[in-house]
Amino acid sequence: MILETERLILRDFTRDDWKAVHVYASDADLVQHMEWGPNQEIATIDYVDRMLMSQNQYPREQYELAITVKENGTLIGGCGLHIEKHSQAALGYCLNRQFWGKGYTTEAAHAMCRFGFFDIKLHRIFATCRPENIASSRVMEKIGMTKEGTLREHLFFKGRWHNSFIYSILTTEFV
């Protein structure tokens, strides 16, 4: 599967992508707000293998795509939709820190929403982030999501309970 934007190509992962994924998946600062990581090599390889298996599911329940720069093919992150019941999906994204601040995450997240609403015919797409992850909140707001509220201490990882902001967008709201 391939999605194209002005500057990016979002495509299915390949087995050879694991090293580029590992660059950001092993970055302790980058994954501080994530439930996973920082990854050891085996965890990154396992992740890529799971994504390869999910590409063969029918109906497909996960659309986890590599974010690559159109100009040179460099893999800079990942973005995905995880399909749930009632025509809903969870949006997620992760980008190598070297490429932060350039609008790539917003561009990729918007493309995933467009795909979700127009191709999969979803009704609602939602996403969460830790309250201290201001950049992630901004991405969700830039793509038109509405902040619904705070999930209080609903996740336990890295030795403590975490809150999350929850955002969503409906098909009727997507531009």
Protein backbone atom coordinates (compact mmCIF):
# COMPACT_ATOMS: atom_id res chain seq x y z
CA MET A 1 0.00 0.00 0.00
CA ILE A 2 1.24 3.48 -0.88
CA LEU A 3 -0.05 6.96 0.02
CA GLU A 4 1.54 10.03 -1.49
CA THR A 5 1.59 13.61 -0.22
CA GLU A 6 3.38 16.71 -1.43
CA ARG A 7 6.68 15.74 0.23
CA LEU A 8 6.19 12.18 1.50
CA ILE A 9 5.48 8.64 0.47
CA LEU A 10 3.80 6.48 3.09
CA ARG A 11 4.23 2.83 2.24
CA ASP A 12 4.06 -0.63 3.77
CA PHE A 13 7.14 -1.59 5.73
CA THR A 14 9.63 -4.06 4.25
CA ARG A 15 11.94 -6.40 6.18
CA ASP A 16 14.93 -4.24 5.26
CA ASP A 17 13.41 -1.21 7.02
CA TRP A 18 14.22 -2.43 10.51
CA LYS A 19 17.55 -0.55 10.78
CA ALA A 20 15.97 2.81 9.89
CA VAL A 21 13.10 2.11 12.29
CA HIS A 22 15.58 1.20 15.01
CA VAL A 23 17.23 4.62 14.75
CA TYR A 24 14.12 6.26 16.21
CA ALA A 25 12.71 3.28 18.15
CA SER A 26 15.89 3.05 20.23
CA ASP A 27 16.00 6.79 21.01
CA ALA A 28 15.19 7.10 24.73
CA ASP A 29 14.27 10.79 24.46
CA LEU A 30 11.96 10.19 21.53
CA VAL A 31 10.03 7.33 23.18
CA GLN A 32 9.74 8.87 26.64
CA HIS A 33 5.97 9.40 26.12
CA MET A 34 5.38 6.01 24.49
CA GLU A 35 4.30 2.78 26.17
CA TRP A 36 7.14 0.98 24.40
CA GLY A 37 10.86 1.50 24.02
CA PRO A 38 13.56 2.37 23.90
CA ASN A 39 13.89 -0.75 21.77
CA GLN A 40 16.66 -3.27 21.63
CA GLU A 41 17.33 -4.52 18.08
CA ILE A 42 15.24 -7.69 18.58
CA ALA A 43 12.18 -5.63 19.60
CA THR A 44 12.47 -3.50 16.47
CA ILE A 45 12.86 -6.58 14.26
CA ASP A 46 9.81 -8.15 15.96
CA TYR A 47 7.81 -4.96 15.34
CA VAL A 48 8.69 -4.91 11.64
CA ASP A 49 7.86 -8.64 11.38
CA ARG A 50 4.43 -8.01 12.98
CA MET A 51 3.79 -5.21 10.51
CA LEU A 52 4.69 -7.50 7.61
CA MET A 53 2.21 -10.09 8.91
CA SER A 54 -0.52 -7.46 9.33
CA GLN A 55 -0.18 -6.54 5.64
CA ASN A 56 -1.58 -9.97 4.76
CA GLN A 57 -4.65 -9.79 7.00
CA TYR A 58 -8.04 -9.61 5.39
CA PRO A 59 -9.78 -7.55 6.30
CA ARG A 60 -6.78 -5.56 7.33
CA GLU A 61 -6.90 -4.34 10.94
CA GLN A 62 -3.71 -2.26 10.93
CA TYR A 63 -2.37 0.14 8.38
CA GLU A 64 1.04 0.88 9.85
CA LEU A 65 3.08 2.64 7.17
CA ALA A 66 6.67 3.81 6.84
CA ILE A 67 7.01 7.56 6.36
CA THR A 68 9.61 8.25 3.67
CA VAL A 69 10.82 11.48 2.11
CA LYS A 70 9.66 11.57 -1.50
CA GLU A 71 12.81 13.35 -2.69
CA ASN A 72 15.29 10.65 -1.58
CA GLY A 73 13.35 7.69 -0.12
CA THR A 74 14.76 8.14 3.41
CA LEU A 75 12.63 6.37 6.01
CA ILE A 76 11.99 8.93 8.77
CA GLY A 77 9.18 7.42 10.84
CA GLY A 78 5.92 5.56 10.95
CA CYS A 79 2.24 6.45 10.95
CA GLY A 80 -0.74 4.17 11.29
CA LEU A 81 -4.42 3.51 11.71
CA HIS A 82 -5.57 0.67 13.94
CA ILE A 83 -9.12 -0.27 13.02
CA GLU A 84 -11.63 -0.77 15.82
CA LYS A 85 -15.36 -1.59 15.99
CA HIS A 86 -18.06 0.79 14.82
CA SER A 87 -16.11 2.33 11.93
CA GLN A 88 -13.47 3.87 14.18
CA ALA A 89 -9.69 3.80 14.17
CA ALA A 90 -6.84 4.90 16.41
CA LEU A 91 -4.22 7.10 14.76
CA GLY A 92 -0.59 6.89 15.81
CA TYR A 93 2.70 8.29 14.59
CA CYS A 94 6.39 8.39 15.47
CA LEU A 95 9.12 10.37 13.73
CA ASN A 96 12.90 10.34 13.92
CA ARG A 97 13.92 13.43 15.95
CA GLN A 98 16.24 14.63 13.17
CA PHE A 99 13.11 15.40 11.14
CA TRP A 100 10.99 17.14 13.80
CA GLY A 101 9.75 20.67 13.21
CA LYS A 102 9.36 20.34 9.45
CA GLY A 103 5.64 19.49 9.32
CA TYR A 104 6.22 15.89 8.22
CA THR A 105 4.17 14.35 11.05
CA THR A 106 1.20 16.61 10.34
CA GLU A 107 1.44 15.82 6.63
CA ALA A 108 1.57 12.07 7.28
CA ALA A 109 -1.23 12.11 9.88
CA HIS A 110 -3.47 14.11 7.54
CA ALA A 111 -2.81 11.59 4.74
CA MET A 112 -3.72 8.71 7.05
CA CYS A 113 -6.98 10.43 8.02
CA ARG A 114 -7.81 11.10 4.36
CA PHE A 115 -7.20 7.42 3.63
CA GLY A 116 -9.28 6.37 6.65
CA PHE A 117 -12.27 8.53 5.79
CA PHE A 118 -12.30 8.26 2.00
CA ASP A 119 -10.94 4.76 1.34
CA ILE A 120 -11.88 2.74 4.43
CA LYS A 121 -15.04 4.81 5.05
CA LEU A 122 -14.37 5.33 8.75
CA HIS A 123 -16.74 7.46 10.81
CA ARG A 124 -14.32 8.55 13.57
CA ILE A 125 -10.55 8.66 14.03
CA PHE A 126 -9.09 9.27 17.46
CA ALA A 127 -5.63 9.63 18.96
CA THR A 128 -4.08 10.08 22.38
CA CYS A 129 -0.94 11.68 23.72
CA ARG A 130 0.56 12.37 27.11
CA PRO A 131 -0.27 15.92 28.31
CA GLU A 132 3.42 16.88 28.36
CA ASN A 133 3.79 15.92 24.67
CA ILE A 134 2.85 19.35 23.35
CA ALA A 135 4.14 18.66 19.83
CA SER A 136 1.81 15.68 19.45
CA SER A 137 -1.16 17.74 20.67
CA ARG A 138 -0.30 20.36 18.04
CA VAL A 139 -0.24 17.75 15.27
CA MET A 140 -3.73 16.58 16.23
CA GLU A 141 -5.05 20.13 16.35
CA LYS A 142 -3.46 21.01 12.97
CA ILE A 143 -5.24 18.12 11.26
CA GLY A 144 -8.57 19.30 12.68
CA MET A 145 -9.01 16.99 15.65
CA THR A 146 -10.98 18.15 18.68
CA LYS A 147 -9.68 17.58 22.19
CA GLU A 148 -12.32 15.51 23.97
CA GLY A 149 -10.72 15.44 27.39
CA THR A 150 -8.24 13.70 29.65
CA LEU A 151 -8.05 9.99 30.37
CA ARG A 152 -6.81 9.99 33.95
CA GLU A 153 -4.11 7.47 34.90
CA HIS A 154 -5.40 4.91 32.41
CA LEU A 155 -1.97 3.59 31.35
CA PHE A 156 0.76 2.06 33.48
CA PHE A 157 4.17 1.92 31.86
CA LYS A 158 7.77 2.73 32.67
CA GLY A 159 7.03 2.37 36.37
CA ARG A 160 4.15 4.80 36.80
CA TRP A 161 0.59 5.74 35.87
CA HIS A 162 0.05 8.14 32.96
CA ASN A 163 -2.72 10.46 31.85
CA SER A 164 -3.56 10.99 28.19
CA PHE A 165 -5.32 13.66 26.23
CA ILE A 166 -7.78 12.20 23.76
CA TYR A 167 -8.57 13.87 20.45
CA SER A 168 -10.89 12.87 17.63
CA ILE A 169 -12.21 13.90 14.26
CA LEU A 170 -15.38 12.75 12.47
CA THR A 171 -15.73 12.17 8.77
CA THR A 172 -18.10 15.18 8.56
CA GLU A 173 -15.41 17.43 10.07
CA PHE A 174 -12.44 16.34 7.94
CA VAL A 175 -11.15 18.81 5.37
